[in-house]
Amino acid sequence: KHVLCEKPMHRDPAEVRRLYDTAERAGRVVMEAFMYRHHPDTQTLFRCVGKGDIGTVYHARAALSFSMPLDGNIRLDPTLHGGALMDLGCYAISALRILAGEPTRVSGVSCLAPSGVDMRTAAFMECQGGATATFNCGMDLPGQSCLEVIGSKGILRAEWPFFRPFFPHIDAPKIEIRVGLESTMLPLTDANPYLLQVDNLSRAVRGEEQPLLGRSDAVAQARVTAALRRSIESQGDWVAT
């Protein structure tokens, strides 16, 4: 069967390669389900940074958190690779890889839940091209979802870039570009990224277009996750990706 695999696909890049090898031998499509990547506003954000609206990127940072009931929560199960890094940090890794460049080495620290998974994680990454990136994520913190990219000419800030438009009770999402004293708010859409994700997969299955997220992206995602896990296990040592 064709597979849309809920993020994160795996924390071991070798397993991701094995999955894609199997799919290619069978003539099937497999795609990692980072729905936010399909949102038009996400693509606008990436495009603005990529074409230099804020100049050369020097640093990017992300924060994702929520507070959840702990009893019986599947995210706390170590046998299922639970924890904040896998459930929330994967979004930050995905976005920061694009905005700041692929990480070359990483350092991370975590606070553990009684089950042994990370309840909170903070990370620092050095990226190709000289930029740096940071993120923090947590499952016992006030709700937060934001991105900030600092360039040589300006700053881009995005509020709720990962989970909109599914939480109408929160503050209105926004994407702001500030250059000098001038601030521009980018227009936003009400697109449903889950529907766009399934549409992309369906067209890929029919051979009409390529999956937005393919092998190279999934392997890179797992490679950074694996390096961060090794760093966390060594109490924050720098680890090459």
Protein backbone atom coordinates (compact mmCIF):
# COMPACT_ATOMS: atom_id res chain seq x y z
CA LYS A 1 0.00 0.00 0.00
CA HIS A 2 0.94 3.63 -0.36
CA VAL A 3 1.73 5.14 3.04
CA LEU A 4 1.26 8.54 4.66
CA CYS A 5 3.34 8.06 7.81
CA GLU A 6 2.54 10.24 10.82
CA LYS A 7 5.48 12.37 11.89
CA PRO A 8 8.11 11.74 12.93
CA MET A 9 8.75 8.82 10.62
CA HIS A 10 11.56 7.41 12.79
CA ARG A 11 14.42 8.53 14.99
CA ASP A 12 16.93 6.28 13.16
CA PRO A 13 17.94 7.40 9.63
CA ALA A 14 18.86 3.82 8.71
CA GLU A 15 15.26 2.76 9.35
CA VAL A 16 13.98 5.62 7.19
CA ARG A 17 16.26 4.54 4.33
CA ARG A 18 15.05 0.96 4.71
CA LEU A 19 11.44 2.12 4.51
CA TYR A 20 12.03 4.08 1.31
CA ASP A 21 14.04 1.23 -0.21
CA THR A 22 11.11 -1.10 0.46
CA ALA A 23 8.60 1.36 -1.00
CA GLU A 24 10.66 1.90 -4.13
CA ARG A 25 11.04 -1.83 -4.72
CA ALA A 26 7.27 -2.21 -4.40
CA GLY A 27 6.51 0.81 -6.60
CA ARG A 28 4.67 2.58 -3.79
CA VAL A 29 4.61 6.16 -2.51
CA VAL A 30 5.55 6.91 1.08
CA MET A 31 5.52 10.40 2.63
CA GLU A 32 6.17 11.79 6.10
CA ALA A 33 3.09 13.61 7.40
CA PHE A 34 4.29 17.09 8.35
CA MET A 35 1.01 18.74 7.47
CA TYR A 36 2.21 22.29 8.24
CA ARG A 37 4.64 22.09 5.29
CA HIS A 38 1.67 21.96 2.92
CA HIS A 39 0.06 25.15 4.23
CA PRO A 40 0.33 28.07 1.77
CA ASP A 41 1.33 30.40 4.61
CA THR A 42 4.23 28.11 5.51
CA GLN A 43 5.42 28.16 1.93
CA THR A 44 5.10 31.96 1.86
CA LEU A 45 7.16 32.20 5.04
CA PHE A 46 9.89 29.94 3.63
CA ARG A 47 9.85 31.81 0.31
CA CYS A 48 10.27 35.23 1.98
CA VAL A 49 13.32 34.03 3.88
CA GLY A 50 14.71 32.17 0.88
CA LYS A 51 14.56 35.17 -1.45
CA GLY A 52 16.32 37.41 1.06
CA ASP A 53 13.54 39.61 2.40
CA ILE A 54 15.38 39.76 5.74
CA GLY A 55 18.86 39.39 4.27
CA THR A 56 21.31 36.64 5.15
CA VAL A 57 19.97 34.39 7.90
CA TYR A 58 22.11 34.53 11.02
CA HIS A 59 19.89 32.77 13.56
CA ALA A 60 16.50 31.05 13.74
CA ARG A 61 14.56 29.84 16.75
CA ALA A 62 11.36 27.99 17.47
CA ALA A 63 9.23 27.14 20.50
CA LEU A 64 6.46 24.55 20.78
CA SER A 65 4.71 23.49 23.96
CA PHE A 66 1.43 22.47 25.52
CA SER A 67 0.20 21.22 28.88
CA MET A 68 -1.43 17.79 28.81
CA PRO A 69 -2.99 15.25 31.18
CA LEU A 70 -0.31 12.78 32.19
CA ASP A 71 -2.27 9.68 33.16
CA GLY A 72 -2.09 7.05 30.44
CA ASN A 73 -0.89 9.46 27.76
CA ILE A 74 0.62 7.63 24.80
CA ARG A 75 3.25 10.37 24.42
CA LEU A 76 4.88 9.21 27.67
CA ASP A 77 5.40 5.61 26.50
CA PRO A 78 9.12 4.93 25.97
CA THR A 79 8.41 1.72 24.04
CA LEU A 80 6.68 3.89 21.40
CA HIS A 81 9.53 6.43 21.26
CA GLY A 82 7.47 9.00 23.14
CA GLY A 83 8.56 12.35 24.49
CA ALA A 84 8.58 16.05 23.68
CA LEU A 85 11.43 15.84 21.15
CA MET A 86 9.61 13.28 19.02
CA ASP A 87 6.12 14.76 19.37
CA LEU A 88 6.86 18.51 19.24
CA GLY A 89 10.56 19.05 18.63
CA CYS A 90 10.24 17.34 15.26
CA TYR A 91 8.27 20.37 13.98
CA ALA A 92 11.02 22.74 15.08
CA ILE A 93 13.72 20.57 13.51
CA SER A 94 11.77 20.43 10.25
CA ALA A 95 11.32 24.20 10.00
CA LEU A 96 14.78 25.20 11.26
CA ARG A 97 16.48 22.87 8.78
CA ILE A 98 14.88 24.87 5.97
CA LEU A 99 15.20 28.35 7.49
CA ALA A 100 18.76 28.14 8.90
CA GLY A 101 20.25 25.31 6.83
CA GLU A 102 20.95 21.66 7.56
CA PRO A 103 22.52 21.28 11.03
CA THR A 104 26.11 20.07 11.09
CA ARG A 105 26.34 19.55 14.85
CA VAL A 106 23.87 19.78 17.69
CA SER A 107 23.63 19.97 21.47
CA GLY A 108 20.54 19.15 23.54
CA VAL A 109 19.39 18.75 27.13
CA SER A 110 16.16 17.32 28.50
CA CYS A 111 14.08 17.07 31.66
CA LEU A 112 12.70 13.55 31.94
CA ALA A 113 9.27 12.27 32.91
CA PRO A 114 9.01 9.35 35.39
CA SER A 115 8.57 6.99 32.43
CA GLY A 116 11.98 8.02 31.09
CA VAL A 117 10.91 10.04 28.04
CA ASP A 118 11.76 13.72 27.79
CA MET A 119 9.08 16.02 29.14
CA ARG A 120 10.98 19.12 28.02
CA THR A 121 13.92 19.54 25.64
CA ALA A 122 16.06 22.50 24.59
CA ALA A 123 18.55 22.35 21.73
CA PHE A 124 21.20 24.38 19.93
CA MET A 125 22.30 23.69 16.36
CA GLU A 126 25.12 24.92 14.13
CA CYS A 127 24.04 24.87 10.49
CA GLN A 128 25.57 24.83 7.04
CA GLY A 129 26.48 28.31 5.86
CA GLY A 130 27.26 29.59 9.35
CA ALA A 131 23.80 30.22 10.77
CA THR A 132 22.73 28.93 14.18
CA ALA A 133 19.36 27.71 15.41
CA THR A 134 17.71 26.98 18.75
CA PHE A 135 14.44 25.49 19.90
CA ASN A 136 12.64 24.41 23.02
CA CYS A 137 9.65 22.10 23.35
CA GLY A 138 7.65 20.79 26.26
CA MET A 139 4.58 18.79 27.19
CA ASP A 140 4.01 20.41 30.60
CA LEU A 141 4.30 24.10 29.67
CA PRO A 142 1.84 26.81 28.65
CA GLY A 143 0.77 26.50 25.02
CA GLN A 144 3.14 28.15 22.56
CA SER A 145 3.96 27.82 18.86
CA CYS A 146 6.27 30.35 17.24
CA LEU A 147 9.14 30.88 14.82
CA GLU A 148 11.62 33.73 14.57
CA VAL A 149 14.26 34.21 11.90
CA ILE A 150 16.93 36.89 12.36
CA GLY A 151 18.69 38.11 9.25
CA SER A 152 21.23 40.76 8.30
CA LYS A 153 18.46 43.18 7.23
CA GLY A 154 15.47 42.26 9.36
CA ILE A 155 13.47 39.80 11.41
CA LEU A 156 10.58 37.50 10.51
CA ARG A 157 8.24 36.37 13.27
CA ALA A 158 5.44 33.83 12.94
CA GLU A 159 2.89 33.05 15.65
CA TRP A 160 1.18 29.64 15.59
CA PRO A 161 2.88 28.53 12.34
CA PHE A 162 2.58 24.81 13.04
CA PHE A 163 -0.96 24.13 14.20
CA ARG A 164 -3.25 26.72 12.66
CA PRO A 165 -6.11 26.98 11.83
CA PHE A 166 -7.26 24.39 14.37
CA PHE A 167 -7.24 26.37 17.61
CA PRO A 168 -9.69 29.28 17.22
CA HIS A 169 -9.54 30.10 20.92
CA ILE A 170 -5.90 31.22 20.78
CA ASP A 171 -4.55 34.59 19.75
CA ALA A 172 -4.82 35.27 16.04
CA PRO A 173 -1.91 33.79 14.06
CA LYS A 174 0.35 36.20 12.22
CA ILE A 175 3.50 36.42 10.15
CA GLU A 176 5.40 39.70 10.51
CA ILE A 177 8.48 40.94 8.68
CA ARG A 178 10.31 43.86 10.28
CA VAL A 179 13.08 45.67 8.42
CA GLY A 180 14.43 48.72 10.22
CA LEU A 181 11.44 50.65 11.59
CA GLU A 182 9.02 49.26 9.02
CA SER A 183 6.79 46.29 9.83
CA THR A 184 4.77 44.30 7.27
CA MET A 185 2.11 41.74 8.13
CA LEU A 186 1.82 39.02 5.51
CA PRO A 187 -1.70 38.07 4.39
CA LEU A 188 -2.83 34.69 5.73
CA THR A 189 -5.17 32.04 4.34
CA ASP A 190 -7.65 29.64 5.94
CA ALA A 191 -6.37 26.61 4.05
CA ASN A 192 -6.58 23.20 5.71
CA PRO A 193 -3.07 21.70 5.59
CA TYR A 194 -4.34 18.17 6.25
CA LEU A 195 -6.51 18.29 3.12
CA LEU A 196 -3.65 19.75 1.08
CA GLN A 197 -1.35 17.00 2.37
CA VAL A 198 -3.76 14.25 1.30
CA ASP A 199 -4.30 15.96 -2.06
CA ASN A 200 -0.54 15.98 -2.65
CA LEU A 201 -0.27 12.30 -1.73
CA SER A 202 -3.22 11.40 -3.97
CA ARG A 203 -1.70 13.17 -6.97
CA ALA A 204 1.64 11.51 -6.25
CA VAL A 205 -0.04 8.10 -6.21
CA ARG A 206 -1.59 8.90 -9.60
CA GLY A 207 1.82 9.97 -10.93
CA GLU A 208 0.73 13.59 -11.43
CA GLU A 209 3.33 15.20 -9.14
CA GLN A 210 6.06 14.41 -6.63
CA PRO A 211 5.37 14.15 -2.89
CA LEU A 212 6.25 17.44 -1.22
CA LEU A 213 8.26 15.51 1.38
CA GLY A 214 10.47 12.74 0.03
CA ARG A 215 13.35 10.49 1.00
CA SER A 216 16.05 13.12 1.41
CA ASP A 217 13.95 15.27 3.73
CA ALA A 218 12.88 12.32 5.88
CA VAL A 219 16.43 10.98 6.18
CA ALA A 220 17.78 14.43 7.11
CA GLN A 221 15.03 14.83 9.69
CA ALA A 222 15.88 11.50 11.34
CA ARG A 223 19.61 12.23 11.19
CA VAL A 224 19.22 15.43 13.23
CA THR A 225 16.85 13.72 15.68
CA ALA A 226 19.31 10.86 16.20
CA ALA A 227 22.18 13.29 16.81
CA LEU A 228 20.13 15.23 19.36
CA ARG A 229 19.23 12.03 21.17
CA ARG A 230 22.92 11.12 21.41
CA SER A 231 23.69 14.59 22.75
CA ILE A 232 20.89 14.40 25.33
CA GLU A 233 22.15 11.00 26.49
CA SER A 234 25.62 12.53 26.97
CA GLN A 235 24.24 15.47 28.99
CA GLY A 236 24.56 18.04 26.23
CA ASP A 237 27.80 17.17 24.45
CA TRP A 238 28.14 18.46 20.90
CA VAL A 239 27.33 15.72 18.38
CA ALA A 240 27.94 15.83 14.63
CA THR A 241 24.99 14.99 12.41
